[in-house]
Amino acid sequence: MDKLDLALIKLWQVEFSNEPARFLHINPTENYLTLGGIAEKYHKHDIDWAFIRRLLELCNNSITRASRMLYYDRDTQDSIKKIYKNEYFDKLRLYNIKSQKMINEIFLFGVHTGVKNAARTAQRVVGTIDDGFIGKVSIAAFNRYNEDRFDSEFDDLEMEYYKNITKKNDSMKIYLNGFKNRSVYV
């Protein structure tokens, strides 16, 4: 199985428990759709949201029913995977990292907090310049670093990041347990 496919399994477990009925959803503090972890707000032109809204209407606004249909639709899956590959996986140069555990850590955090933030966090763990760009030096450092040590140290930095978010924004406190779970999931 491809490295991206393995990372997507982990991501979707975190995002919607890999349950087809939750593939399409609206988070409690948001007023936009999320499909397979791809938020309408941030990817307005990458997915045919008008089609999804028409599908919802045809399903009598049953988000669960529309979600199942979209989950099993090959074109939808391919569109989602393309976004993750182009916007996250390739930008983070994750195909060059040997450890799938490290790939999963960086990928999941990058999807949730941004590519540059994930790259900087990973670079801090391995002791390279945290410029947010994963190049040859960072890749070599990742491939030399012990994956279990990386996992533990990366989790600590993830939690620090999420705690800071909840300190700055009270409305995010309802997600703190989810953030903790996300941090230690991989």
N, C-alpha and C. Protein backbone atom coordinates (compact mmCIF):
# COMPACT_ATOMS: atom_id res chain seq x y z
N MET A 1 0.85 -1.19 0.00
CA MET A 1 0.00 0.00 0.00
C MET A 1 0.89 1.25 0.00
N ASP A 2 0.49 2.24 -0.72
CA ASP A 2 1.20 3.51 -0.85
C ASP A 2 1.31 4.23 0.49
N LYS A 3 2.40 4.99 0.68
CA LYS A 3 2.60 5.75 1.93
C LYS A 3 1.46 6.73 2.20
N LEU A 4 0.98 7.39 1.15
CA LEU A 4 -0.15 8.31 1.31
C LEU A 4 -1.40 7.56 1.73
N ASP A 5 -1.67 6.43 1.13
CA ASP A 5 -2.86 5.64 1.50
C ASP A 5 -2.81 5.23 2.97
N LEU A 6 -1.63 4.82 3.43
CA LEU A 6 -1.49 4.44 4.85
C LEU A 6 -1.72 5.65 5.76
N ALA A 7 -1.21 6.80 5.36
CA ALA A 7 -1.41 8.01 6.15
C ALA A 7 -2.88 8.43 6.15
N LEU A 8 -3.55 8.27 5.01
CA LEU A 8 -4.97 8.62 4.94
C LEU A 8 -5.82 7.74 5.85
N ILE A 9 -5.46 6.48 5.98
CA ILE A 9 -6.19 5.59 6.90
C ILE A 9 -6.13 6.17 8.31
N LYS A 10 -4.94 6.58 8.72
CA LYS A 10 -4.77 7.19 10.06
C LYS A 10 -5.54 8.50 10.17
N LEU A 11 -5.42 9.34 9.15
CA LEU A 11 -6.09 10.64 9.18
C LEU A 11 -7.59 10.46 9.29
N TRP A 12 -8.15 9.60 8.48
CA TRP A 12 -9.60 9.43 8.47
C TRP A 12 -10.11 8.77 9.75
N GLN A 13 -9.25 7.98 10.39
CA GLN A 13 -9.63 7.43 11.69
C GLN A 13 -9.78 8.56 12.70
N VAL A 14 -8.88 9.53 12.65
CA VAL A 14 -8.93 10.67 13.56
C VAL A 14 -10.06 11.63 13.18
N GLU A 15 -10.21 11.90 11.89
CA GLU A 15 -11.18 12.89 11.43
C GLU A 15 -12.62 12.46 11.62
N PHE A 16 -12.94 11.21 11.25
CA PHE A 16 -14.34 10.79 11.32
C PHE A 16 -14.49 9.30 11.64
N SER A 17 -13.52 8.77 12.38
CA SER A 17 -13.53 7.37 12.83
C SER A 17 -13.68 6.39 11.67
N ASN A 18 -13.31 6.82 10.48
CA ASN A 18 -13.42 5.99 9.28
C ASN A 18 -14.83 5.43 9.09
N GLU A 19 -15.81 6.16 9.57
CA GLU A 19 -17.21 5.76 9.43
C GLU A 19 -17.82 6.48 8.23
N PRO A 20 -18.29 5.72 7.24
CA PRO A 20 -18.87 6.35 6.05
C PRO A 20 -19.96 7.38 6.38
N ALA A 21 -20.73 7.16 7.43
CA ALA A 21 -21.82 8.07 7.79
C ALA A 21 -21.30 9.41 8.31
N ARG A 22 -20.00 9.49 8.62
CA ARG A 22 -19.42 10.73 9.14
C ARG A 22 -18.41 11.36 8.17
N PHE A 23 -18.30 10.80 6.97
CA PHE A 23 -17.38 11.30 5.96
C PHE A 23 -17.69 12.76 5.61
N LEU A 24 -18.97 13.09 5.51
CA LEU A 24 -19.44 14.45 5.31
C LEU A 24 -20.05 14.90 6.63
N HIS A 25 -19.61 16.04 7.13
CA HIS A 25 -20.14 16.51 8.41
C HIS A 25 -19.94 18.02 8.56
N ILE A 26 -20.55 18.54 9.60
CA ILE A 26 -20.35 19.94 10.00
C ILE A 26 -19.92 19.90 11.46
N ASN A 27 -18.77 20.49 11.74
CA ASN A 27 -18.28 20.53 13.12
C ASN A 27 -19.11 21.50 13.95
N PRO A 28 -19.22 21.26 15.26
CA PRO A 28 -20.09 22.07 16.12
C PRO A 28 -19.84 23.57 16.11
N THR A 29 -18.60 23.99 15.95
CA THR A 29 -18.31 25.43 15.99
C THR A 29 -18.14 26.03 14.60
N GLU A 30 -18.56 25.28 13.59
CA GLU A 30 -18.39 25.74 12.21
C GLU A 30 -19.74 25.76 11.49
N ASN A 31 -19.80 26.54 10.43
CA ASN A 31 -21.03 26.60 9.65
C ASN A 31 -20.78 26.22 8.19
N TYR A 32 -19.80 25.35 7.97
CA TYR A 32 -19.48 24.89 6.62
C TYR A 32 -19.26 23.38 6.65
N LEU A 33 -19.36 22.79 5.48
CA LEU A 33 -19.21 21.35 5.34
C LEU A 33 -17.74 20.93 5.39
N THR A 34 -17.53 19.72 5.86
CA THR A 34 -16.22 19.09 5.80
C THR A 34 -16.42 17.71 5.17
N LEU A 35 -15.63 17.41 4.18
CA LEU A 35 -15.74 16.14 3.45
C LEU A 35 -14.41 15.41 3.53
N GLY A 36 -14.38 14.30 4.24
CA GLY A 36 -13.16 13.54 4.37
C GLY A 36 -12.01 14.32 4.98
N GLY A 37 -12.36 15.29 5.83
CA GLY A 37 -11.34 16.13 6.45
C GLY A 37 -11.02 17.38 5.65
N ILE A 38 -11.60 17.53 4.48
CA ILE A 38 -11.37 18.71 3.64
C ILE A 38 -12.48 19.71 3.92
N ALA A 39 -12.13 20.86 4.46
CA ALA A 39 -13.11 21.87 4.85
C ALA A 39 -13.49 22.76 3.67
N GLU A 40 -14.77 22.92 3.50
CA GLU A 40 -15.31 23.77 2.43
C GLU A 40 -14.72 25.19 2.50
N LYS A 41 -14.57 25.69 3.71
CA LYS A 41 -14.07 27.06 3.91
C LYS A 41 -12.69 27.27 3.29
N TYR A 42 -11.85 26.25 3.35
CA TYR A 42 -10.47 26.38 2.89
C TYR A 42 -10.24 25.80 1.49
N HIS A 43 -11.18 25.04 1.00
CA HIS A 43 -11.03 24.39 -0.31
C HIS A 43 -12.29 24.62 -1.14
N LYS A 44 -12.65 25.88 -1.30
CA LYS A 44 -13.88 26.25 -2.01
C LYS A 44 -13.91 25.79 -3.45
N HIS A 45 -12.76 25.74 -4.09
CA HIS A 45 -12.72 25.45 -5.52
C HIS A 45 -12.16 24.07 -5.84
N ASP A 46 -11.76 23.33 -4.82
CA ASP A 46 -11.15 22.02 -5.04
C ASP A 46 -12.17 20.89 -5.12
N ILE A 47 -13.35 21.15 -4.59
CA ILE A 47 -14.42 20.15 -4.56
C ILE A 47 -15.68 20.82 -5.07
N ASP A 48 -16.52 20.06 -5.73
CA ASP A 48 -17.78 20.59 -6.25
C ASP A 48 -18.81 20.62 -5.11
N TRP A 49 -18.74 21.67 -4.30
CA TRP A 49 -19.62 21.80 -3.14
C TRP A 49 -21.07 22.00 -3.57
N ALA A 50 -21.29 22.60 -4.73
CA ALA A 50 -22.66 22.77 -5.23
C ALA A 50 -23.28 21.40 -5.50
N PHE A 51 -22.50 20.49 -6.06
CA PHE A 51 -22.98 19.13 -6.28
C PHE A 51 -23.34 18.47 -4.94
N ILE A 52 -22.48 18.66 -3.95
CA ILE A 52 -22.73 18.05 -2.64
C ILE A 52 -24.01 18.61 -2.02
N ARG A 53 -24.22 19.89 -2.15
CA ARG A 53 -25.46 20.49 -1.62
C ARG A 53 -26.69 19.97 -2.38
N ARG A 54 -26.57 19.78 -3.70
CA ARG A 54 -27.69 19.19 -4.46
C ARG A 54 -27.95 17.76 -4.01
N LEU A 55 -26.88 17.03 -3.76
CA LEU A 55 -27.02 15.66 -3.26
C LEU A 55 -27.72 15.66 -1.91
N LEU A 56 -27.33 16.58 -1.04
CA LEU A 56 -28.00 16.71 0.26
C LEU A 56 -29.50 16.94 0.08
N GLU A 57 -29.86 17.82 -0.84
CA GLU A 57 -31.28 18.08 -1.11
C GLU A 57 -32.00 16.81 -1.57
N LEU A 58 -31.35 16.07 -2.47
CA LEU A 58 -31.94 14.82 -2.96
C LEU A 58 -32.09 13.78 -1.85
N CYS A 59 -31.25 13.91 -0.83
CA CYS A 59 -31.30 12.99 0.31
C CYS A 59 -32.14 13.57 1.45
N ASN A 60 -33.01 14.51 1.12
CA ASN A 60 -33.86 15.17 2.12
C ASN A 60 -33.04 15.74 3.27
N ASN A 61 -31.90 16.33 2.92
CA ASN A 61 -30.98 16.94 3.88
C ASN A 61 -30.45 15.99 4.94
N SER A 62 -30.46 14.71 4.61
CA SER A 62 -29.85 13.72 5.50
C SER A 62 -28.35 13.69 5.22
N ILE A 63 -27.61 14.34 6.09
CA ILE A 63 -26.16 14.40 5.91
C ILE A 63 -25.55 13.01 6.03
N THR A 64 -26.15 12.16 6.84
CA THR A 64 -25.66 10.80 7.01
C THR A 64 -25.79 10.00 5.71
N ARG A 65 -26.93 10.11 5.08
CA ARG A 65 -27.16 9.39 3.83
C ARG A 65 -26.24 9.91 2.72
N ALA A 66 -26.16 11.21 2.57
CA ALA A 66 -25.28 11.80 1.56
C ALA A 66 -23.82 11.42 1.85
N SER A 67 -23.47 11.41 3.10
CA SER A 67 -22.12 11.06 3.51
C SER A 67 -21.75 9.66 3.05
N ARG A 68 -22.63 8.71 3.28
CA ARG A 68 -22.37 7.32 2.86
C ARG A 68 -22.20 7.23 1.34
N MET A 69 -23.05 7.94 0.63
CA MET A 69 -22.98 7.91 -0.83
C MET A 69 -21.64 8.48 -1.31
N LEU A 70 -21.22 9.57 -0.73
CA LEU A 70 -19.97 10.21 -1.13
C LEU A 70 -18.76 9.36 -0.74
N TYR A 71 -18.83 8.71 0.40
CA TYR A 71 -17.73 7.88 0.88
C TYR A 71 -17.42 6.76 -0.11
N TYR A 72 -18.46 6.19 -0.67
CA TYR A 72 -18.29 5.05 -1.58
C TYR A 72 -18.16 5.46 -3.05
N ASP A 73 -18.14 6.75 -3.33
CA ASP A 73 -18.02 7.23 -4.70
C ASP A 73 -16.54 7.37 -5.06
N ARG A 74 -16.11 6.65 -6.07
CA ARG A 74 -14.70 6.63 -6.48
C ARG A 74 -14.19 8.02 -6.89
N ASP A 75 -14.99 8.78 -7.64
CA ASP A 75 -14.56 10.12 -8.05
C ASP A 75 -14.34 11.04 -6.86
N THR A 76 -15.24 10.94 -5.88
CA THR A 76 -15.09 11.75 -4.66
C THR A 76 -13.81 11.36 -3.93
N GLN A 77 -13.60 10.07 -3.77
CA GLN A 77 -12.38 9.59 -3.09
C GLN A 77 -11.13 10.07 -3.82
N ASP A 78 -11.14 9.99 -5.15
CA ASP A 78 -9.98 10.42 -5.94
C ASP A 78 -9.74 11.93 -5.79
N SER A 79 -10.81 12.72 -5.76
CA SER A 79 -10.68 14.17 -5.59
C SER A 79 -10.07 14.51 -4.24
N ILE A 80 -10.55 13.84 -3.21
CA ILE A 80 -10.04 14.08 -1.85
C ILE A 80 -8.56 13.69 -1.76
N LYS A 81 -8.26 12.51 -2.28
CA LYS A 81 -6.88 12.03 -2.22
C LYS A 81 -5.94 12.97 -2.98
N LYS A 82 -6.38 13.49 -4.10
CA LYS A 82 -5.57 14.42 -4.89
C LYS A 82 -5.25 15.68 -4.08
N ILE A 83 -6.23 16.19 -3.35
CA ILE A 83 -6.00 17.38 -2.51
C ILE A 83 -4.96 17.07 -1.45
N TYR A 84 -5.14 15.95 -0.76
CA TYR A 84 -4.17 15.59 0.29
C TYR A 84 -2.77 15.40 -0.29
N LYS A 85 -2.68 14.78 -1.44
CA LYS A 85 -1.37 14.55 -2.06
C LYS A 85 -0.73 15.89 -2.44
N ASN A 86 -1.46 16.71 -3.18
CA ASN A 86 -0.88 17.96 -3.70
C ASN A 86 -0.65 19.01 -2.63
N GLU A 87 -1.60 19.18 -1.74
CA GLU A 87 -1.54 20.28 -0.77
C GLU A 87 -0.77 19.96 0.51
N TYR A 88 -0.61 18.68 0.81
CA TYR A 88 0.05 18.32 2.06
C TYR A 88 1.21 17.35 1.84
N PHE A 89 0.92 16.17 1.34
CA PHE A 89 1.93 15.11 1.24
C PHE A 89 3.14 15.54 0.41
N ASP A 90 2.87 16.05 -0.79
CA ASP A 90 3.98 16.45 -1.67
C ASP A 90 4.71 17.67 -1.13
N LYS A 91 3.98 18.64 -0.62
CA LYS A 91 4.62 19.85 -0.09
C LYS A 91 5.52 19.53 1.10
N LEU A 92 5.15 18.51 1.86
CA LEU A 92 5.96 18.10 3.01
C LEU A 92 7.06 17.10 2.61
N ARG A 93 7.06 16.72 1.34
CA ARG A 93 8.04 15.76 0.79
C ARG A 93 8.07 14.46 1.59
N LEU A 94 6.92 13.99 1.95
CA LEU A 94 6.83 12.83 2.83
C LEU A 94 7.21 11.51 2.16
N TYR A 95 7.17 11.44 0.84
CA TYR A 95 7.59 10.21 0.17
C TYR A 95 9.06 9.91 0.40
N ASN A 96 9.83 10.92 0.79
CA ASN A 96 11.27 10.74 1.00
C ASN A 96 11.62 10.28 2.41
N ILE A 97 10.64 10.23 3.29
CA ILE A 97 10.89 9.80 4.67
C ILE A 97 10.62 8.30 4.76
N LYS A 98 11.54 7.58 5.38
CA LYS A 98 11.44 6.12 5.44
C LYS A 98 10.40 5.63 6.45
N SER A 99 10.29 6.29 7.58
CA SER A 99 9.42 5.83 8.66
C SER A 99 7.96 6.23 8.41
N GLN A 100 7.10 5.25 8.30
CA GLN A 100 5.67 5.55 8.12
C GLN A 100 5.10 6.23 9.36
N LYS A 101 5.63 5.90 10.53
CA LYS A 101 5.15 6.55 11.76
C LYS A 101 5.46 8.05 11.72
N MET A 102 6.66 8.41 11.30
CA MET A 102 7.00 9.83 11.18
C MET A 102 6.14 10.50 10.12
N ILE A 103 5.95 9.83 9.01
CA ILE A 103 5.10 10.36 7.93
C ILE A 103 3.72 10.66 8.49
N ASN A 104 3.15 9.69 9.19
CA ASN A 104 1.80 9.86 9.73
C ASN A 104 1.72 11.04 10.69
N GLU A 105 2.70 11.16 11.56
CA GLU A 105 2.73 12.25 12.54
C GLU A 105 2.73 13.61 11.82
N ILE A 106 3.66 13.76 10.90
CA ILE A 106 3.82 15.04 10.21
C ILE A 106 2.59 15.34 9.35
N PHE A 107 2.11 14.33 8.64
CA PHE A 107 0.96 14.50 7.75
C PHE A 107 -0.29 14.91 8.52
N LEU A 108 -0.63 14.18 9.56
CA LEU A 108 -1.84 14.49 10.32
C LEU A 108 -1.78 15.89 10.93
N PHE A 109 -0.64 16.24 11.47
CA PHE A 109 -0.48 17.56 12.06
C PHE A 109 -0.53 18.64 10.97
N GLY A 110 0.08 18.36 9.84
CA GLY A 110 0.07 19.30 8.73
C GLY A 110 -1.31 19.57 8.19
N VAL A 111 -2.12 18.53 8.08
CA VAL A 111 -3.49 18.70 7.61
C VAL A 111 -4.28 19.57 8.59
N HIS A 112 -4.04 19.38 9.85
CA HIS A 112 -4.81 20.08 10.87
C HIS A 112 -4.31 21.49 11.16
N THR A 113 -3.00 21.71 11.05
CA THR A 113 -2.45 23.00 11.48
C THR A 113 -1.68 23.75 10.39
N GLY A 114 -1.53 23.14 9.24
CA GLY A 114 -0.80 23.76 8.15
C GLY A 114 0.55 23.12 7.89
N VAL A 115 0.92 23.14 6.64
CA VAL A 115 2.15 22.48 6.19
C VAL A 115 3.39 23.08 6.86
N LYS A 116 3.50 24.39 6.85
CA LYS A 116 4.70 25.03 7.43
C LYS A 116 4.82 24.74 8.92
N ASN A 117 3.70 24.78 9.63
CA ASN A 117 3.73 24.50 11.06
C ASN A 117 4.18 23.06 11.32
N ALA A 118 3.66 22.11 10.55
CA ALA A 118 4.05 20.71 10.72
C ALA A 118 5.53 20.52 10.40
N ALA A 119 5.98 21.15 9.32
CA ALA A 119 7.39 21.03 8.95
C ALA A 119 8.29 21.61 10.04
N ARG A 120 7.94 22.78 10.53
CA ARG A 120 8.75 23.41 11.59
C ARG A 120 8.79 22.55 12.85
N THR A 121 7.65 22.02 13.20
CA THR A 121 7.57 21.18 14.40
C THR A 121 8.45 19.95 14.24
N ALA A 122 8.37 19.29 13.10
CA ALA A 122 9.20 18.11 12.85
C ALA A 122 10.68 18.47 12.83
N GLN A 123 11.01 19.61 12.24
CA GLN A 123 12.40 20.05 12.20
C GLN A 123 12.94 20.34 13.59
N ARG A 124 12.12 20.90 14.45
CA ARG A 124 12.55 21.15 15.84
C ARG A 124 12.90 19.85 16.53
N VAL A 125 12.10 18.82 16.28
CA VAL A 125 12.34 17.53 16.93
C VAL A 125 13.71 16.97 16.54
N VAL A 126 14.04 17.02 15.26
CA VAL A 126 15.29 16.41 14.79
C VAL A 126 16.49 17.36 14.84
N GLY A 127 16.26 18.62 15.21
CA GLY A 127 17.37 19.54 15.42
C GLY A 127 17.89 20.24 14.18
N THR A 128 17.08 20.29 13.12
CA THR A 128 17.50 21.06 11.94
C THR A 128 16.88 22.46 12.02
N ILE A 129 17.28 23.33 11.11
CA ILE A 129 16.71 24.67 11.07
C ILE A 129 15.22 24.56 10.81
N ASP A 130 14.43 25.19 11.66
CA ASP A 130 12.96 25.08 11.52
C ASP A 130 12.43 26.21 10.64
N ASP A 131 12.70 26.05 9.34
CA ASP A 131 12.29 27.07 8.37
C ASP A 131 10.96 26.75 7.69
N GLY A 132 10.40 25.59 8.00
CA GLY A 132 9.11 25.22 7.42
C GLY A 132 9.21 24.60 6.04
N PHE A 133 10.42 24.39 5.56
CA PHE A 133 10.62 23.73 4.27
C PHE A 133 11.42 22.47 4.48
N ILE A 134 10.86 21.35 4.12
CA ILE A 134 11.55 20.07 4.30
C ILE A 134 12.40 19.81 3.05
N GLY A 135 13.69 19.97 3.23
CA GLY A 135 14.64 19.73 2.15
C GLY A 135 15.53 18.53 2.47
N LYS A 136 16.63 18.43 1.75
CA LYS A 136 17.53 17.28 1.89
C LYS A 136 18.08 17.12 3.30
N VAL A 137 18.43 18.23 3.94
CA VAL A 137 19.01 18.17 5.28
C VAL A 137 17.97 17.63 6.27
N SER A 138 16.77 18.15 6.21
CA SER A 138 15.71 17.67 7.12
C SER A 138 15.38 16.21 6.85
N ILE A 139 15.28 15.84 5.60
CA ILE A 139 14.96 14.46 5.26
C ILE A 139 16.03 13.51 5.78
N ALA A 140 17.27 13.87 5.58
CA ALA A 140 18.37 13.04 6.10
C ALA A 140 18.28 12.92 7.62
N ALA A 141 17.96 14.02 8.29
CA ALA A 141 17.82 13.99 9.75
C ALA A 141 16.65 13.11 10.18
N PHE A 142 15.53 13.21 9.48
CA PHE A 142 14.38 12.35 9.80
C PHE A 142 14.77 10.87 9.65
N ASN A 143 15.45 10.55 8.57
CA ASN A 143 15.78 9.16 8.28
C ASN A 143 16.85 8.59 9.20
N ARG A 144 17.57 9.45 9.91
CA ARG A 144 18.54 9.00 10.92
C ARG A 144 17.92 8.91 12.32
N TYR A 145 16.84 9.64 12.55
CA TYR A 145 16.27 9.80 13.88
C TYR A 145 15.46 8.57 14.28
N ASN A 146 15.53 8.21 15.53
CA ASN A 146 14.75 7.08 16.06
C ASN A 146 13.26 7.43 16.00
N GLU A 147 12.49 6.57 15.35
CA GLU A 147 11.07 6.90 15.14
C GLU A 147 10.25 6.94 16.43
N ASP A 148 10.58 6.11 17.40
CA ASP A 148 9.83 6.14 18.67
C ASP A 148 10.14 7.42 19.46
N ARG A 149 11.39 7.83 19.43
CA ARG A 149 11.77 9.08 20.09
C ARG A 149 11.09 10.26 19.38
N PHE A 150 11.11 10.24 18.06
CA PHE A 150 10.45 11.28 17.27
C PHE A 150 8.97 11.35 17.63
N ASP A 151 8.33 10.20 17.69
CA ASP A 151 6.90 10.12 18.01
C ASP A 151 6.60 10.79 19.35
N SER A 152 7.36 10.46 20.35
CA SER A 152 7.15 11.02 21.69
C SER A 152 7.40 12.53 21.73
N GLU A 153 8.49 12.96 21.15
CA GLU A 153 8.83 14.39 21.17
C GLU A 153 7.87 15.21 20.30
N PHE A 154 7.45 14.66 19.18
CA PHE A 154 6.51 15.35 18.30
C PHE A 154 5.16 15.49 19.01
N ASP A 155 4.73 14.43 19.69
CA ASP A 155 3.47 14.48 20.45
C ASP A 155 3.50 15.60 21.49
N ASP A 156 4.62 15.74 22.17
CA ASP A 156 4.75 16.80 23.18
C ASP A 156 4.59 18.19 22.55
N LEU A 157 5.22 18.39 21.40
CA LEU A 157 5.13 19.68 20.73
C LEU A 157 3.71 19.93 20.17
N GLU A 158 3.06 18.86 19.71
CA GLU A 158 1.67 18.99 19.26
C GLU A 158 0.79 19.46 20.41
N MET A 159 0.93 18.83 21.55
CA MET A 159 0.10 19.20 22.71
C MET A 159 0.36 20.63 23.13
N GLU A 160 1.60 21.04 23.10
CA GLU A 160 1.94 22.42 23.44
C GLU A 160 1.23 23.38 22.47
N TYR A 161 1.24 23.05 21.20
CA TYR A 161 0.58 23.87 20.19
C TYR A 161 -0.92 23.96 20.47
N TYR A 162 -1.55 22.83 20.72
CA TYR A 162 -3.00 22.82 20.96
C TYR A 162 -3.38 23.53 22.26
N LYS A 163 -2.57 23.39 23.28
CA LYS A 163 -2.84 24.11 24.53
C LYS A 163 -2.79 25.61 24.31
N ASN A 164 -1.83 26.05 23.51
CA ASN A 164 -1.73 27.48 23.20
C ASN A 164 -2.95 27.97 22.43
N ILE A 165 -3.46 27.16 21.54
CA ILE A 165 -4.67 27.54 20.78
C ILE A 165 -5.84 27.75 21.73
N THR A 166 -6.01 26.83 22.65
CA THR A 166 -7.16 26.93 23.56
C THR A 166 -7.00 28.06 24.56
N LYS A 167 -5.77 28.43 24.88
CA LYS A 167 -5.55 29.59 25.74
C LYS A 167 -5.92 30.88 25.04
N LYS A 168 -5.64 30.95 23.75
CA LYS A 168 -5.90 32.15 22.96
C LYS A 168 -7.35 32.28 22.53
N ASN A 169 -8.06 31.15 22.44
CA ASN A 169 -9.42 31.17 21.91
C ASN A 169 -10.31 30.24 22.75
N ASP A 170 -11.12 30.83 23.61
CA ASP A 170 -11.98 30.04 24.50
C ASP A 170 -12.91 29.09 23.76
N SER A 171 -13.37 29.47 22.58
CA SER A 171 -14.31 28.62 21.85
C SER A 171 -13.67 27.30 21.43
N MET A 172 -12.36 27.24 21.41
CA MET A 172 -11.65 26.02 21.00
C MET A 172 -11.49 25.03 22.16
N LYS A 173 -11.81 25.45 23.37
CA LYS A 173 -11.63 24.57 24.52
C LYS A 173 -12.46 23.29 24.44
N ILE A 174 -13.58 23.35 23.73
CA ILE A 174 -14.40 22.13 23.60
C ILE A 174 -13.67 21.05 22.81
N TYR A 175 -12.63 21.43 22.08
CA TYR A 175 -11.87 20.47 21.28
C TYR A 175 -10.62 19.95 21.99
N LEU A 176 -10.32 20.41 23.19
CA LEU A 176 -9.05 20.07 23.83
C LEU A 176 -8.85 18.56 23.99
N ASN A 177 -9.87 17.84 24.43
CA ASN A 177 -9.72 16.39 24.55
C ASN A 177 -9.47 15.75 23.20
N GLY A 178 -10.16 16.23 22.17
CA GLY A 178 -9.93 15.73 20.82
C GLY A 178 -8.52 16.04 20.35
N PHE A 179 -8.03 17.23 20.69
CA PHE A 179 -6.66 17.59 20.34
C PHE A 179 -5.66 16.66 21.03
N LYS A 180 -5.92 16.36 22.29
CA LYS A 180 -5.04 15.44 23.03
C LYS A 180 -5.03 14.07 22.37
N ASN A 181 -6.22 13.58 22.04
CA ASN A 181 -6.33 12.29 21.38
C ASN A 181 -5.61 12.29 20.04
N ARG A 182 -5.78 13.37 19.30
CA ARG A 182 -5.13 13.51 18.00
C ARG A 182 -3.61 13.48 18.16
N SER A 183 -3.12 14.14 19.19
CA SER A 183 -1.67 14.24 19.40
C SER A 183 -1.02 12.88 19.65
N VAL A 184 -1.67 12.03 20.36
CA VAL A 184 -1.06 10.75 20.72
C VAL A 184 -1.56 9.59 19.87
N TYR A 185 -2.40 9.86 18.90
CA TYR A 185 -3.00 8.79 18.11
C TYR A 185 -1.98 7.99 17.31
N VAL A 186 -1.03 8.66 16.68
CA VAL A 186 -0.08 7.94 15.81
C VAL A 186 0.98 7.27 16.64
